[in-house]
């Protein structure tokens, strides 16, 4: 708007100097009709500003718009229908859902899926904050001594809420735009792995039942975790979360016996574990494989192949975020972070 007023002022100034309309149009790179309308508007109104538009008036007053915005910010989980009904009940103003959406958009408020994470009680927040304060001064070299580990699960026909379809109006239930859901995902595969900036362990598939403390020792710690920790050197540290199998008495006794140093990990903190982002990379790669695996055996083969294809540089880049993760927890006072 300011640029248009400035250009109109230049047009008026040149015409006042006696320049022709053709010359002004060429000089300012505008059409001759623009110069003519600007001059005519100035002679009629005494101003170079545009006349007020004669379009349809808005159906809400500024007070109604502020009411909508305040209601949306007070209850972030309100739907457009809820806001529309509240405005009608309180201020007796009837508007459409599209009007609600436009008013919120003007205030830079959009509808999004909420971020999700584990429920954090006060004790969890205190533990997370204490952990972050203790580790915020760690350098990248300090984090390189840590072997991060965790389990993950991938379903054969898992639901991917990121996937979208391109369709026209009325095609919502068209076969090409419909995603069928298989009960229980058609079966799933659970596996364990460990990562550090220099290397990664092999995937360990957890089959034939749940993971117990004894199985954790015999199938994970002895054959895979211990060799990886040995390769990291005598100052290596092992990170695992607070799953029941990880914190059994037998596991604690075994780690004490063999001298495995364990990182005192706060409960309900997947956002602090960088391997969660590596799992996300792996799952995306598995879902992109075509043709998609149709059996559990094929799924295991695909997972193993894609795990080996993930560049080590990708894992290293993810691990460099550890200092930022600690700072983010401190900034959130132990609460949820963007990670």
Protein backbone atom coordinates (compact mmCIF):
# COMPACT_ATOMS: atom_id res chain seq x y z
CA UNK A 1 0.00 0.00 0.00
CA UNK A 2 2.83 2.39 0.87
CA UNK A 3 4.59 1.66 -2.45
CA UNK A 4 1.41 2.50 -4.37
CA UNK A 5 1.06 5.83 -2.59
CA UNK A 6 4.70 6.66 -3.32
CA UNK A 7 4.28 5.81 -7.01
CA UNK A 8 1.10 7.88 -7.19
CA UNK A 9 2.96 10.82 -5.63
CA UNK A 10 5.69 10.52 -8.28
CA UNK A 11 3.06 10.51 -11.03
CA UNK A 12 1.49 13.69 -9.60
CA UNK A 13 4.87 15.39 -9.24
CA UNK A 14 5.89 14.71 -12.85
CA UNK A 15 2.54 15.87 -14.19
CA UNK A 16 2.81 19.05 -12.12
CA UNK A 17 6.18 19.69 -13.78
CA UNK A 18 4.42 19.70 -17.18
CA UNK A 19 5.39 16.21 -18.36
CA UNK A 20 2.96 14.41 -20.64
CA UNK A 21 1.06 11.35 -19.48
CA UNK A 22 2.88 9.18 -22.04
CA UNK A 23 6.27 10.35 -20.74
CA UNK A 24 5.28 9.71 -17.11
CA UNK A 25 4.01 6.21 -17.97
CA UNK A 26 7.29 5.32 -19.69
CA UNK A 27 9.40 6.93 -16.96
CA UNK A 28 7.71 5.02 -14.12
CA UNK A 29 7.05 1.81 -16.10
CA UNK A 30 3.27 1.91 -15.66
CA UNK A 31 0.38 2.01 -18.10
CA UNK A 32 -0.99 5.29 -19.42
CA UNK A 33 -4.43 4.45 -17.99
CA UNK A 34 -2.86 4.22 -14.53
CA UNK A 35 -1.42 7.72 -14.91
CA UNK A 36 -4.76 9.03 -16.17
CA UNK A 37 -6.77 7.49 -13.30
CA UNK A 38 -4.29 8.73 -10.69
CA UNK A 39 -4.46 12.30 -12.02
CA UNK A 40 -8.25 12.21 -12.25
CA UNK A 41 -8.53 10.88 -8.66
CA UNK A 42 -6.33 13.70 -7.41
CA UNK A 43 -8.38 16.35 -9.16
CA UNK A 44 -11.63 14.93 -7.74
CA UNK A 45 -10.54 14.16 -4.16
CA UNK A 46 -7.38 16.21 -3.63
CA UNK A 47 -5.51 13.09 -2.57
CA UNK A 48 -3.42 10.44 -4.29
CA UNK A 49 -4.80 7.70 -2.05
CA UNK A 50 -7.35 5.25 -3.38
CA UNK A 51 -11.01 5.78 -2.61
CA UNK A 52 -12.51 3.49 0.04
CA UNK A 53 -13.71 0.26 -1.53
CA UNK A 54 -17.42 -0.36 -1.96
CA UNK A 55 -17.30 -4.12 -1.35
CA UNK A 56 -19.40 -6.14 1.04
CA UNK A 57 -18.98 -5.24 4.69
CA UNK A 58 -17.61 -7.84 7.08
CA UNK A 59 -20.15 -9.80 9.09
CA UNK A 60 -18.21 -9.37 12.33
CA UNK A 61 -17.09 -6.38 14.32
CA UNK A 62 -13.52 -6.01 15.64
CA UNK A 63 -14.84 -6.98 19.09
CA UNK A 64 -16.19 -10.26 17.64
CA UNK A 65 -12.84 -11.00 16.02
CA UNK A 66 -10.98 -10.40 19.28
CA UNK A 67 -13.48 -12.65 21.07
CA UNK A 68 -12.81 -15.49 18.62
CA UNK A 69 -9.06 -15.13 19.01
CA UNK A 70 -9.23 -15.02 22.82
CA UNK A 71 -11.46 -18.11 22.93
CA UNK A 72 -9.11 -20.00 20.62
CA UNK A 73 -6.09 -19.14 22.76
CA UNK A 74 -7.86 -20.02 26.03
CA UNK A 75 -8.88 -23.47 24.81
CA UNK A 76 -6.37 -24.63 22.21
CA UNK A 77 -8.33 -27.82 21.49
CA UNK A 78 -11.49 -26.01 20.39
CA UNK A 79 -12.78 -26.83 16.93
CA UNK A 80 -14.09 -24.30 14.45
CA UNK A 81 -17.59 -25.54 15.27
CA UNK A 82 -17.04 -24.93 19.00
CA UNK A 83 -15.84 -21.37 18.36
CA UNK A 84 -18.70 -20.67 15.98
CA UNK A 85 -21.28 -21.87 18.54
CA UNK A 86 -19.64 -19.94 21.39
CA UNK A 87 -19.69 -16.71 19.39
CA UNK A 88 -23.36 -17.24 18.60
CA UNK A 89 -24.28 -17.97 22.22
CA UNK A 90 -22.29 -15.16 23.86
CA UNK A 91 -22.45 -12.35 21.28
CA UNK A 92 -25.45 -13.45 19.19
CA UNK A 93 -23.42 -13.31 15.97
CA UNK A 94 -23.95 -15.98 13.32
CA UNK A 95 -21.07 -16.69 10.98
CA UNK A 96 -19.86 -19.58 8.85
CA UNK A 97 -17.04 -21.96 9.66
CA UNK A 98 -15.01 -20.42 6.85
CA UNK A 99 -15.36 -17.01 8.50
CA UNK A 100 -14.07 -18.46 11.78
CA UNK A 101 -11.11 -19.91 9.93
CA UNK A 102 -10.35 -16.60 8.15
CA UNK A 103 -10.52 -14.58 11.38
CA UNK A 104 -8.11 -16.95 13.12
CA UNK A 105 -5.84 -16.99 10.09
CA UNK A 106 -5.65 -13.21 10.23
CA UNK A 107 -4.35 -13.62 13.80
CA UNK A 108 -1.82 -16.22 12.60
CA UNK A 109 -3.70 -19.07 14.30
CA UNK A 110 -3.97 -22.32 12.33
CA UNK A 111 -5.32 -25.75 13.15
CA UNK A 112 -2.59 -28.39 13.53
CA UNK A 113 -2.26 -31.89 14.91
CA UNK A 114 -0.95 -31.61 18.49
CA UNK A 115 2.58 -32.72 19.29
CA UNK A 116 2.57 -35.96 21.26
CA UNK A 117 4.73 -37.29 24.07
CA UNK A 118 4.63 -39.24 27.34
CA UNK A 119 2.82 -37.77 30.32
CA UNK A 120 5.31 -36.03 32.60
CA UNK A 121 4.62 -35.80 36.31
CA UNK A 122 6.49 -33.44 38.61
CA UNK A 123 9.02 -36.11 39.51
CA UNK A 124 9.76 -36.78 35.86
CA UNK A 125 10.33 -33.09 35.15
CA UNK A 126 12.65 -32.74 38.14
CA UNK A 127 14.69 -35.79 37.05
CA UNK A 128 14.90 -34.58 33.45
CA UNK A 129 16.00 -31.11 34.52
CA UNK A 130 18.64 -32.51 36.90
CA UNK A 131 19.99 -34.82 34.18
CA UNK A 132 20.19 -31.99 31.65
CA UNK A 133 21.98 -29.68 34.08
CA UNK A 134 24.52 -32.39 34.86
CA UNK A 135 25.22 -33.09 31.17
CA UNK A 136 24.81 -29.67 29.57
CA UNK A 137 28.55 -29.05 29.80
CA UNK A 138 29.44 -32.31 28.04
CA UNK A 139 31.34 -31.87 24.79
CA UNK A 140 30.83 -33.85 21.60
CA UNK A 141 33.82 -35.95 22.62
CA UNK A 142 32.06 -36.84 25.88
CA UNK A 143 28.92 -37.94 24.05
CA UNK A 144 31.04 -39.96 21.62
CA UNK A 145 31.84 -42.30 24.53
CA UNK A 146 28.15 -43.20 24.95
CA UNK A 147 26.50 -46.19 23.31
CA UNK A 148 22.83 -45.23 22.89
CA UNK A 149 20.43 -48.17 22.68
CA UNK A 150 16.73 -48.91 22.50
CA UNK A 151 14.10 -51.24 21.07
CA UNK A 152 11.71 -50.44 18.26
CA UNK A 153 8.82 -52.13 16.50
CA UNK A 154 7.67 -52.01 12.87
CA UNK A 155 4.35 -53.48 11.72
CA UNK A 156 3.95 -55.29 8.45
CA UNK A 157 1.09 -53.03 7.40
CA UNK A 158 1.60 -50.17 9.80
CA UNK A 159 -0.46 -47.01 9.68
CA UNK A 160 1.54 -43.97 8.61
CA UNK A 161 -0.31 -40.79 9.63
CA UNK A 162 2.10 -38.68 7.55
CA UNK A 163 0.84 -40.13 4.28
CA UNK A 164 -1.55 -37.97 2.29
CA UNK A 165 -3.44 -38.40 -0.97
CA UNK A 166 -4.18 -35.97 -3.78
CA UNK A 167 -7.86 -36.05 -4.66
CA UNK A 168 -10.67 -33.96 -6.07
CA UNK A 169 -13.92 -33.07 -4.39
CA UNK A 170 -16.13 -36.13 -3.99
CA UNK A 171 -13.25 -38.62 -4.24
CA UNK A 172 -12.70 -39.19 -0.53
CA UNK A 173 -13.86 -42.82 -0.67
CA UNK A 174 -12.52 -43.57 -4.16
CA UNK A 175 -10.40 -46.72 -4.20
CA UNK A 176 -7.29 -44.83 -5.31
CA UNK A 177 -7.66 -42.45 -2.34
CA UNK A 178 -8.61 -45.01 0.32
CA UNK A 179 -6.15 -46.72 2.67
CA UNK A 180 -7.23 -50.07 4.02
CA UNK A 181 -6.24 -51.03 7.56
CA UNK A 182 -5.18 -54.53 8.51
CA UNK A 183 -6.08 -55.64 12.08
CA UNK A 184 -3.03 -55.43 14.38
CA UNK A 185 -0.94 -54.24 11.45
CA UNK A 186 -0.71 -57.77 10.02
CA UNK A 187 1.96 -58.66 12.59
CA UNK A 188 5.06 -56.80 13.70
CA UNK A 189 8.80 -57.16 14.30
CA UNK A 190 10.58 -55.96 17.43
CA UNK A 191 14.33 -55.35 17.45
CA UNK A 192 17.17 -53.78 19.45
CA UNK A 193 20.26 -51.87 18.36
CA UNK A 194 22.91 -49.52 19.69
CA UNK A 195 24.56 -46.50 18.04
CA UNK A 196 27.44 -44.13 18.55
CA UNK A 197 29.15 -41.58 16.34
CA UNK A 198 31.69 -44.07 14.98
CA UNK A 199 29.68 -47.25 14.51
CA UNK A 200 26.46 -49.13 15.16
CA UNK A 201 25.62 -52.63 16.34
CA UNK A 202 23.77 -55.24 14.36
CA UNK A 203 20.01 -55.40 14.71
CA UNK A 204 18.87 -57.95 17.29
CA UNK A 205 15.37 -59.25 16.60
CA UNK A 206 13.35 -60.03 19.72
CA UNK A 207 11.36 -63.14 18.83
CA UNK A 208 9.37 -65.85 20.60
CA UNK A 209 7.89 -63.79 23.39
CA UNK A 210 8.61 -60.63 25.33
CA UNK A 211 12.02 -59.35 26.33
CA UNK A 212 12.88 -60.38 29.90
CA UNK A 213 15.87 -59.44 32.02
CA UNK A 214 17.52 -62.81 31.39
CA UNK A 215 16.98 -62.56 27.62
CA UNK A 216 18.29 -58.99 27.70
CA UNK A 217 21.55 -60.25 29.18
CA UNK A 218 21.99 -63.32 26.99
CA UNK A 219 20.65 -62.02 23.67
CA UNK A 220 21.63 -58.34 23.80
CA UNK A 221 24.24 -57.36 26.38
CA UNK A 222 26.70 -60.23 26.09
CA UNK A 223 26.84 -60.71 22.30
CA UNK A 224 26.33 -57.11 21.12
CA UNK A 225 26.44 -54.35 23.74
CA UNK A 226 29.61 -55.48 25.51
CA UNK A 227 31.75 -55.78 22.33
CA UNK A 228 30.56 -52.33 21.21
CA UNK A 229 31.42 -50.83 24.59
CA UNK A 230 34.83 -52.48 24.52
CA UNK A 231 35.50 -50.94 21.12
CA UNK A 232 34.69 -47.49 22.55
CA UNK A 233 37.38 -47.85 25.21
CA UNK A 234 37.57 -48.11 28.97
CA UNK A 235 35.69 -44.83 29.50
CA UNK A 236 32.65 -45.98 27.52
CA UNK A 237 29.14 -45.46 28.93
CA UNK A 238 26.03 -47.51 28.17
CA UNK A 239 22.66 -45.83 27.75
CA UNK A 240 19.37 -47.73 27.98
CA UNK A 241 15.99 -46.51 29.14
CA UNK A 242 13.96 -47.55 32.16
CA UNK A 243 12.04 -50.43 30.58
CA UNK A 244 11.25 -53.22 33.02
CA UNK A 245 13.59 -55.69 31.33
CA UNK A 246 16.46 -53.19 31.47
CA UNK A 247 16.08 -52.45 35.18
CA UNK A 248 15.60 -55.95 36.59
CA UNK A 249 17.73 -57.03 39.52
CA UNK A 250 19.55 -59.59 37.42
CA UNK A 251 20.54 -56.98 34.81
CA UNK A 252 21.78 -54.56 37.48
CA UNK A 253 23.85 -57.31 39.10
CA UNK A 254 25.33 -58.40 35.77
CA UNK A 255 26.35 -54.87 34.78
CA UNK A 256 27.97 -54.34 38.17
CA UNK A 257 29.82 -57.64 37.84
CA UNK A 258 31.27 -56.99 34.38
CA UNK A 259 31.89 -53.29 35.02
CA UNK A 260 29.48 -51.69 32.54
CA UNK A 261 29.01 -47.99 33.34
CA UNK A 262 25.40 -47.04 32.85
CA UNK A 263 24.09 -43.54 32.19
CA UNK A 264 21.53 -42.52 34.82
CA UNK A 265 18.73 -41.98 32.35
CA UNK A 266 15.57 -40.07 33.38
CA UNK A 267 12.27 -41.88 32.90
CA UNK A 268 9.85 -40.96 30.08
CA UNK A 269 12.49 -39.16 28.06
CA UNK A 270 12.44 -40.51 24.49
CA UNK A 271 13.08 -36.98 23.23
CA UNK A 272 16.55 -37.12 24.78
CA UNK A 273 17.51 -40.40 23.11
CA UNK A 274 18.92 -39.74 19.61
CA UNK A 275 18.28 -43.32 18.52
CA UNK A 276 14.56 -42.43 18.34
CA UNK A 277 15.38 -40.21 15.36
CA UNK A 278 17.43 -43.01 13.83
CA UNK A 279 14.39 -45.30 14.18
CA UNK A 280 12.35 -42.68 12.37
CA UNK A 281 14.88 -42.67 9.51
CA UNK A 282 14.78 -46.47 9.39
CA UNK A 283 10.98 -46.63 9.37
CA UNK A 284 10.75 -44.10 6.54
CA UNK A 285 13.22 -46.11 4.49
CA UNK A 286 11.34 -49.36 5.14
CA UNK A 287 8.00 -47.79 4.14
CA UNK A 288 9.51 -46.48 0.89
CA UNK A 289 10.60 -49.93 -0.30
CA UNK A 290 8.68 -51.11 -3.37
CA UNK A 291 7.22 -53.64 -3.66
CA UNK A 292 6.30 -53.58 0.01
CA UNK A 293 7.08 -56.70 2.08
CA UNK A 294 4.10 -59.05 2.43
CA UNK A 295 5.37 -61.46 5.09
CA UNK A 296 7.20 -61.13 8.40
CA UNK A 297 10.26 -62.80 6.90
CA UNK A 298 10.34 -60.30 4.05
CA UNK A 299 9.86 -57.44 6.53
CA UNK A 300 12.85 -58.60 8.60
CA UNK A 301 15.01 -58.81 5.50
CA UNK A 302 14.01 -55.30 4.44
CA UNK A 303 14.64 -53.88 7.92
CA UNK A 304 18.08 -55.49 8.07
CA UNK A 305 19.03 -54.25 4.60
CA UNK A 306 17.83 -50.69 5.23
CA UNK A 307 19.58 -50.58 8.62
CA UNK A 308 22.87 -51.34 6.93
CA UNK A 309 22.23 -48.74 4.21
CA UNK A 310 21.75 -45.83 6.61
CA UNK A 311 24.90 -43.69 6.22
CA UNK A 312 26.97 -43.46 9.38
CA UNK A 313 27.21 -39.73 8.70
CA UNK A 314 23.42 -39.50 9.21
CA UNK A 315 23.73 -41.11 12.63
CA UNK A 316 26.66 -38.86 13.52
CA UNK A 317 24.70 -35.75 12.54
CA UNK A 318 21.84 -36.82 14.81
CA UNK A 319 24.21 -37.41 17.72
CA UNK A 320 25.63 -33.89 17.43
CA UNK A 321 22.26 -32.62 18.71
CA UNK A 322 22.88 -33.89 22.27
CA UNK A 323 24.15 -30.54 23.68
CA UNK A 324 21.13 -28.80 22.14
CA UNK A 325 18.79 -31.40 23.64
CA UNK A 326 20.18 -30.74 27.11
CA UNK A 327 19.76 -26.99 26.67
CA UNK A 328 16.21 -27.49 25.39
CA UNK A 329 15.24 -29.45 28.52
CA UNK A 330 16.69 -26.73 30.73
CA UNK A 331 14.79 -24.05 28.79
CA UNK A 332 11.58 -26.11 29.19
CA UNK A 333 12.22 -26.57 32.93
CA UNK A 334 12.18 -30.32 32.48
CA UNK A 335 9.15 -30.30 30.19
CA UNK A 336 8.66 -31.51 26.64
CA UNK A 337 11.04 -30.37 23.90
CA UNK A 338 10.94 -30.15 20.11
CA UNK A 339 13.00 -33.32 19.89
